[in-house]
Amino acid sequence: MAYLAAAVGVLAIASATCGPSPSHADGGSSGIKSWFASEPEIPVPPAPTGRFAELWARAESGLEDDCARLATAEGPGGLEERLRADPVRRLVAIRAAGFGADFQLLGVLTDFIKGDKEELSAEALKSAHRLLREHRSALGEDAEEFRHACDVLLALAKEGEGEKKRAVNGLLRMMVPLGCSSDIELDSLPK
């Protein structure tokens, strides 16, 4: 009986602390929720030290070379941690994500594009554009991230307006050769 009570307690703790990943809180359904819908409480990572502190400081300038160096040094995992949990370095991480070697951060970038913070949304659009321009044929293990990005961008293209809608439509056109949508579908979207 004590074992049963302990097992129930462990399951209760596990269900409270585990769950869907923050980037795909809806389990991949077409409801297109982002992790912004219920932003999880993720502890802020410690401030970078040593050469990483210098890389982050230099990348704050927004210069492409500095952002590319930061992206290479941090890798997708380090950048994603800053994107999700470090509001102080989030803008720099968004810029650096555009210099990634693959589409691993594309889904997170589209969550920022969809978000209501205009500066972050605009920078995420630029970074997603850079990723798609540089790595159009790199779709492989990142298919899930790509599909998530495609779903979010298609929803934004249907509901959005103004400059953001035009930028999203441009991203979708770049994604057509990778199977995101078709030119016919994009042409049928409301103008």
C-alpha atoms as a PDB file:
ATOM      1  CA  MET A   1       0.000   0.000   0.000  1.00  0.00           C
ATOM      2  CA  ALA A   2       2.860   2.370   0.795  1.00  0.00           C
ATOM      3  CA  TYR A   3       4.397   1.621  -2.611  1.00  0.00           C
ATOM      4  CA  LEU A   4       1.116   2.503  -4.316  1.00  0.00           C
ATOM      5  CA  ALA A   5       0.886   5.815  -2.454  1.00  0.00           C
ATOM      6  CA  ALA A   6       4.496   6.634  -3.346  1.00  0.00           C
ATOM      7  CA  ALA A   7       3.877   5.812  -7.023  1.00  0.00           C
ATOM      8  CA  VAL A   8       0.789   8.053  -7.115  1.00  0.00           C
ATOM      9  CA  GLY A   9       2.810  10.860  -5.519  1.00  0.00           C
ATOM     10  CA  VAL A  10       5.619  10.489  -8.056  1.00  0.00           C
ATOM     11  CA  LEU A  11       3.100  10.552 -10.929  1.00  0.00           C
ATOM     12  CA  ALA A  12       1.456  13.678  -9.538  1.00  0.00           C
ATOM     13  CA  ILE A  13       4.807  15.440  -9.299  1.00  0.00           C
ATOM     14  CA  ALA A  14       5.829  14.299 -12.777  1.00  0.00           C
ATOM     15  CA  SER A  15       2.586  15.500 -14.354  1.00  0.00           C
ATOM     16  CA  ALA A  16       2.933  18.868 -12.635  1.00  0.00           C
ATOM     17  CA  THR A  17       6.514  19.408 -13.746  1.00  0.00           C
ATOM     18  CA  CYS A  18       6.521  17.700 -17.125  1.00  0.00           C
ATOM     19  CA  GLY A  19       4.338  18.332 -20.092  1.00  0.00           C
ATOM     20  CA  PRO A  20       4.453  19.479 -23.652  1.00  0.00           C
ATOM     21  CA  SER A  21       7.540  21.339 -24.752  1.00  0.00           C
ATOM     22  CA  PRO A  22       7.214  25.105 -24.436  1.00  0.00           C
ATOM     23  CA  SER A  23       7.771  25.661 -28.166  1.00  0.00           C
ATOM     24  CA  HIS A  24       4.872  23.433 -29.108  1.00  0.00           C
ATOM     25  CA  ALA A  25       2.527  23.704 -26.154  1.00  0.00           C
ATOM     26  CA  ASP A  26      -0.394  22.518 -28.268  1.00  0.00           C
ATOM     27  CA  GLY A  27       1.244  19.193 -29.130  1.00  0.00           C
ATOM     28  CA  GLY A  28       1.656  20.170 -32.761  1.00  0.00           C
ATOM     29  CA  SER A  29      -2.032  20.663 -33.502  1.00  0.00           C
ATOM     30  CA  SER A  30      -3.149  23.234 -36.000  1.00  0.00           C
ATOM     31  CA  GLY A  31      -4.507  25.498 -33.229  1.00  0.00           C
ATOM     32  CA  ILE A  32      -1.119  27.192 -33.463  1.00  0.00           C
ATOM     33  CA  LYS A  33      -0.532  28.085 -29.860  1.00  0.00           C
ATOM     34  CA  SER A  34       2.903  29.320 -29.115  1.00  0.00           C
ATOM     35  CA  TRP A  35       4.732  29.143 -25.852  1.00  0.00           C
ATOM     36  CA  PHE A  36       3.737  32.810 -25.415  1.00  0.00           C
ATOM     37  CA  ALA A  37       0.153  31.723 -24.721  1.00  0.00           C
ATOM     38  CA  SER A  38       1.212  30.553 -21.277  1.00  0.00           C
ATOM     39  CA  GLU A  39       4.829  31.583 -20.999  1.00  0.00           C
ATOM     40  CA  PRO A  40       6.440  29.028 -18.706  1.00  0.00           C
ATOM     41  CA  GLU A  41       8.454  30.034 -15.713  1.00  0.00           C
ATOM     42  CA  ILE A  42      11.935  29.108 -16.827  1.00  0.00           C
ATOM     43  CA  PRO A  43      14.770  30.236 -14.593  1.00  0.00           C
ATOM     44  CA  VAL A  44      16.906  32.934 -16.167  1.00  0.00           C
ATOM     45  CA  PRO A  45      20.257  31.419 -17.129  1.00  0.00           C
ATOM     46  CA  PRO A  46      23.326  32.907 -15.489  1.00  0.00           C
ATOM     47  CA  ALA A  47      24.987  35.813 -17.262  1.00  0.00           C
ATOM     48  CA  PRO A  48      27.606  34.761 -19.793  1.00  0.00           C
ATOM     49  CA  THR A  49      31.176  34.778 -18.555  1.00  0.00           C
ATOM     50  CA  GLY A  50      34.635  34.814 -20.102  1.00  0.00           C
ATOM     51  CA  ARG A  51      34.756  34.866 -23.878  1.00  0.00           C
ATOM     52  CA  PHE A  52      30.976  34.341 -24.063  1.00  0.00           C
ATOM     53  CA  ALA A  53      30.407  37.632 -22.214  1.00  0.00           C
ATOM     54  CA  GLU A  54      32.546  39.370 -24.836  1.00  0.00           C
ATOM     55  CA  LEU A  55      30.687  37.650 -27.709  1.00  0.00           C
ATOM     56  CA  TRP A  56      27.290  38.703 -26.330  1.00  0.00           C
ATOM     57  CA  ALA A  57      28.496  42.263 -25.733  1.00  0.00           C
ATOM     58  CA  ARG A  58      29.836  42.571 -29.275  1.00  0.00           C
ATOM     59  CA  ALA A  59      26.681  41.059 -30.811  1.00  0.00           C
ATOM     60  CA  GLU A  60      24.584  43.774 -29.148  1.00  0.00           C
ATOM     61  CA  SER A  61      25.841  46.070 -31.919  1.00  0.00           C
ATOM     62  CA  GLY A  62      23.775  44.045 -34.388  1.00  0.00           C
ATOM     63  CA  LEU A  63      26.682  43.696 -36.813  1.00  0.00           C
ATOM     64  CA  GLU A  64      26.304  40.554 -38.907  1.00  0.00           C
ATOM     65  CA  ASP A  65      29.811  39.227 -38.218  1.00  0.00           C
ATOM     66  CA  ASP A  66      29.352  39.562 -34.471  1.00  0.00           C
ATOM     67  CA  CYS A  67      25.912  37.890 -34.562  1.00  0.00           C
ATOM     68  CA  ALA A  68      27.300  35.063 -36.714  1.00  0.00           C
ATOM     69  CA  ARG A  69      30.189  34.488 -34.284  1.00  0.00           C
ATOM     70  CA  LEU A  70      27.754  34.384 -31.373  1.00  0.00           C
ATOM     71  CA  ALA A  71      25.479  31.910 -33.194  1.00  0.00           C
ATOM     72  CA  THR A  72      28.434  29.626 -33.893  1.00  0.00           C
ATOM     73  CA  ALA A  73      29.773  29.801 -30.340  1.00  0.00           C
ATOM     74  CA  GLU A  74      26.426  29.346 -28.541  1.00  0.00           C
ATOM     75  CA  GLY A  75      24.886  26.893 -30.985  1.00  0.00           C
ATOM     76  CA  PRO A  76      21.130  26.403 -31.245  1.00  0.00           C
ATOM     77  CA  GLY A  77      20.806  25.109 -27.682  1.00  0.00           C
ATOM     78  CA  GLY A  78      22.499  28.112 -26.095  1.00  0.00           C
ATOM     79  CA  LEU A  79      20.542  30.569 -28.227  1.00  0.00           C
ATOM     80  CA  GLU A  80      17.232  28.832 -27.526  1.00  0.00           C
ATOM     81  CA  GLU A  81      17.881  29.004 -23.788  1.00  0.00           C
ATOM     82  CA  ARG A  82      18.425  32.765 -24.061  1.00  0.00           C
ATOM     83  CA  LEU A  83      15.411  33.181 -26.372  1.00  0.00           C
ATOM     84  CA  ARG A  84      13.095  31.483 -23.909  1.00  0.00           C
ATOM     85  CA  ALA A  85      14.395  32.588 -20.534  1.00  0.00           C
ATOM     86  CA  ASP A  86      16.634  35.655 -20.787  1.00  0.00           C
ATOM     87  CA  PRO A  87      14.663  38.824 -21.529  1.00  0.00           C
ATOM     88  CA  VAL A  88      17.831  40.936 -21.272  1.00  0.00           C
ATOM     89  CA  ARG A  89      19.569  39.054 -24.119  1.00  0.00           C
ATOM     90  CA  ARG A  90      16.467  37.973 -26.059  1.00  0.00           C
ATOM     91  CA  LEU A  91      16.755  40.558 -28.845  1.00  0.00           C
ATOM     92  CA  VAL A  92      20.414  39.707 -29.458  1.00  0.00           C
ATOM     93  CA  ALA A  93      19.576  35.984 -29.442  1.00  0.00           C
ATOM     94  CA  ILE A  94      16.847  36.562 -32.037  1.00  0.00           C
ATOM     95  CA  ARG A  95      19.316  38.372 -34.287  1.00  0.00           C
ATOM     96  CA  ALA A  96      21.955  35.654 -33.845  1.00  0.00           C
ATOM     97  CA  ALA A  97      19.391  32.899 -34.573  1.00  0.00           C
ATOM     98  CA  GLY A  98      19.291  34.118 -38.164  1.00  0.00           C
ATOM     99  CA  PHE A  99      22.882  32.938 -38.568  1.00  0.00           C
ATOM    100  CA  GLY A 100      22.187  29.360 -37.498  1.00  0.00           C
ATOM    101  CA  ALA A 101      23.446  26.450 -39.561  1.00  0.00           C
ATOM    102  CA  ASP A 102      19.963  24.915 -39.955  1.00  0.00           C
ATOM    103  CA  PHE A 103      16.260  25.419 -39.221  1.00  0.00           C
ATOM    104  CA  GLN A 104      16.385  24.269 -35.601  1.00  0.00           C
ATOM    105  CA  LEU A 105      15.324  27.691 -34.256  1.00  0.00           C
ATOM    106  CA  LEU A 106      12.832  28.522 -37.031  1.00  0.00           C
ATOM    107  CA  GLY A 107       9.834  27.414 -34.966  1.00  0.00           C
ATOM    108  CA  VAL A 108      10.862  29.589 -32.023  1.00  0.00           C
ATOM    109  CA  LEU A 109      11.438  32.540 -34.358  1.00  0.00           C
ATOM    110  CA  THR A 110       7.917  32.194 -35.737  1.00  0.00           C
ATOM    111  CA  ASP A 111       6.567  32.245 -32.180  1.00  0.00           C
ATOM    112  CA  PHE A 112       8.234  35.643 -31.802  1.00  0.00           C
ATOM    113  CA  ILE A 113       6.887  36.775 -35.193  1.00  0.00           C
ATOM    114  CA  LYS A 114       3.416  35.891 -33.947  1.00  0.00           C
ATOM    115  CA  GLY A 115       4.016  37.597 -30.604  1.00  0.00           C
ATOM    116  CA  ASP A 116       2.734  41.033 -29.704  1.00  0.00           C
ATOM    117  CA  LYS A 117       6.102  42.670 -29.046  1.00  0.00           C
ATOM    118  CA  GLU A 118       6.710  44.647 -32.240  1.00  0.00           C
ATOM    119  CA  GLU A 119      10.512  45.001 -31.988  1.00  0.00           C
ATOM    120  CA  LEU A 120      11.002  41.287 -31.303  1.00  0.00           C
ATOM    121  CA  SER A 121       8.537  40.378 -34.060  1.00  0.00           C
ATOM    122  CA  ALA A 122      10.341  42.545 -36.627  1.00  0.00           C
ATOM    123  CA  GLU A 123      13.757  41.131 -35.721  1.00  0.00           C
ATOM    124  CA  ALA A 124      12.409  37.572 -35.777  1.00  0.00           C
ATOM    125  CA  LEU A 125      11.046  38.201 -39.299  1.00  0.00           C
ATOM    126  CA  LYS A 126      14.509  39.330 -40.421  1.00  0.00           C
ATOM    127  CA  SER A 127      16.197  36.315 -38.832  1.00  0.00           C
ATOM    128  CA  ALA A 128      13.706  33.847 -40.312  1.00  0.00           C
ATOM    129  CA  HIS A 129      14.211  35.445 -43.724  1.00  0.00           C
ATOM    130  CA  ARG A 130      17.991  35.091 -43.397  1.00  0.00           C
ATOM    131  CA  LEU A 131      17.698  31.426 -42.363  1.00  0.00           C
ATOM    132  CA  LEU A 132      15.421  30.600 -45.270  1.00  0.00           C
ATOM    133  CA  ARG A 133      17.575  32.493 -47.753  1.00  0.00           C
ATOM    134  CA  GLU A 134      20.774  30.782 -46.623  1.00  0.00           C
ATOM    135  CA  HIS A 135      19.502  27.259 -46.011  1.00  0.00           C
ATOM    136  CA  ARG A 136      16.684  26.605 -48.475  1.00  0.00           C
ATOM    137  CA  SER A 137      17.871  23.071 -49.149  1.00  0.00           C
ATOM    138  CA  ALA A 138      18.863  22.192 -45.578  1.00  0.00           C
ATOM    139  CA  LEU A 139      15.550  20.682 -44.471  1.00  0.00           C
ATOM    140  CA  GLY A 140      16.281  17.377 -42.781  1.00  0.00           C
ATOM    141  CA  GLU A 141      16.044  16.677 -39.071  1.00  0.00           C
ATOM    142  CA  ASP A 142      14.369  20.060 -38.593  1.00  0.00           C
ATOM    143  CA  ALA A 143      11.169  19.009 -40.387  1.00  0.00           C
ATOM    144  CA  GLU A 144       9.033  19.389 -37.244  1.00  0.00           C
ATOM    145  CA  GLU A 145      10.321  22.923 -36.598  1.00  0.00           C
ATOM    146  CA  PHE A 146       9.786  23.762 -40.264  1.00  0.00           C
ATOM    147  CA  ARG A 147       6.199  22.446 -40.203  1.00  0.00           C
ATOM    148  CA  HIS A 148       5.437  24.430 -37.030  1.00  0.00           C
ATOM    149  CA  ALA A 149       6.867  27.580 -38.639  1.00  0.00           C
ATOM    150  CA  CYS A 150       4.849  26.943 -41.787  1.00  0.00           C
ATOM    151  CA  ASP A 151       1.590  26.558 -39.822  1.00  0.00           C
ATOM    152  CA  VAL A 152       2.197  29.725 -37.794  1.00  0.00           C
ATOM    153  CA  LEU A 153       3.135  31.777 -40.853  1.00  0.00           C
ATOM    154  CA  LEU A 154       0.135  30.549 -42.864  1.00  0.00           C
ATOM    155  CA  ALA A 155      -2.172  31.547 -40.000  1.00  0.00           C
ATOM    156  CA  LEU A 156      -0.527  34.964 -39.809  1.00  0.00           C
ATOM    157  CA  ALA A 157      -0.855  35.412 -43.575  1.00  0.00           C
ATOM    158  CA  LYS A 158      -4.601  34.721 -43.318  1.00  0.00           C
ATOM    159  CA  GLU A 159      -5.216  36.967 -40.297  1.00  0.00           C
ATOM    160  CA  GLY A 160      -2.470  39.594 -40.477  1.00  0.00           C
ATOM    161  CA  GLU A 161      -2.397  42.965 -42.115  1.00  0.00           C
ATOM    162  CA  GLY A 162      -0.034  45.662 -43.302  1.00  0.00           C
ATOM    163  CA  GLU A 163       3.740  45.357 -43.457  1.00  0.00           C
ATOM    164  CA  LYS A 164       3.889  42.292 -41.226  1.00  0.00           C
ATOM    165  CA  LYS A 165       1.488  40.415 -43.545  1.00  0.00           C
ATOM    166  CA  ARG A 166       3.615  41.329 -46.596  1.00  0.00           C
ATOM    167  CA  ALA A 167       6.787  40.153 -44.830  1.00  0.00           C
ATOM    168  CA  VAL A 168       5.129  36.877 -43.775  1.00  0.00           C
ATOM    169  CA  ASN A 169       3.908  36.302 -47.343  1.00  0.00           C
ATOM    170  CA  GLY A 170       7.484  36.807 -48.546  1.00  0.00           C
ATOM    171  CA  LEU A 171       8.718  34.161 -46.093  1.00  0.00           C
ATOM    172  CA  LEU A 172       6.031  31.757 -47.233  1.00  0.00           C
ATOM    173  CA  ARG A 173       7.026  32.249 -50.884  1.00  0.00           C
ATOM    174  CA  MET A 174      10.583  31.287 -49.923  1.00  0.00           C
ATOM    175  CA  MET A 175       9.235  28.151 -48.227  1.00  0.00           C
ATOM    176  CA  VAL A 176       7.190  26.936 -51.230  1.00  0.00           C
ATOM    177  CA  PRO A 177      10.075  24.911 -52.740  1.00  0.00           C
ATOM    178  CA  LEU A 178      10.455  23.128 -49.382  1.00  0.00           C
ATOM    179  CA  GLY A 179       6.808  22.018 -49.363  1.00  0.00           C
ATOM    180  CA  CYS A 180       5.336  24.522 -46.926  1.00  0.00           C
ATOM    181  CA  SER A 181       2.561  25.637 -49.229  1.00  0.00           C
ATOM    182  CA  SER A 182       1.962  26.318 -52.890  1.00  0.00           C
ATOM    183  CA  ASP A 183       1.940  29.480 -54.949  1.00  0.00           C
ATOM    184  CA  ILE A 184      -1.732  28.800 -55.742  1.00  0.00           C
ATOM    185  CA  GLU A 185      -2.629  28.616 -52.033  1.00  0.00           C
ATOM    186  CA  LEU A 186      -0.690  31.792 -51.315  1.00  0.00           C
ATOM    187  CA  ASP A 187      -2.335  33.611 -54.235  1.00  0.00           C
ATOM    188  CA  SER A 188      -5.768  32.691 -52.825  1.00  0.00           C
ATOM    189  CA  LEU A 189      -5.080  34.293 -49.424  1.00  0.00           C
ATOM    190  CA  PRO A 190      -6.961  37.528 -48.669  1.00  0.00           C
ATOM    191  CA  LYS A 191      -4.969  40.572 -49.768  1.00  0.00           C
END
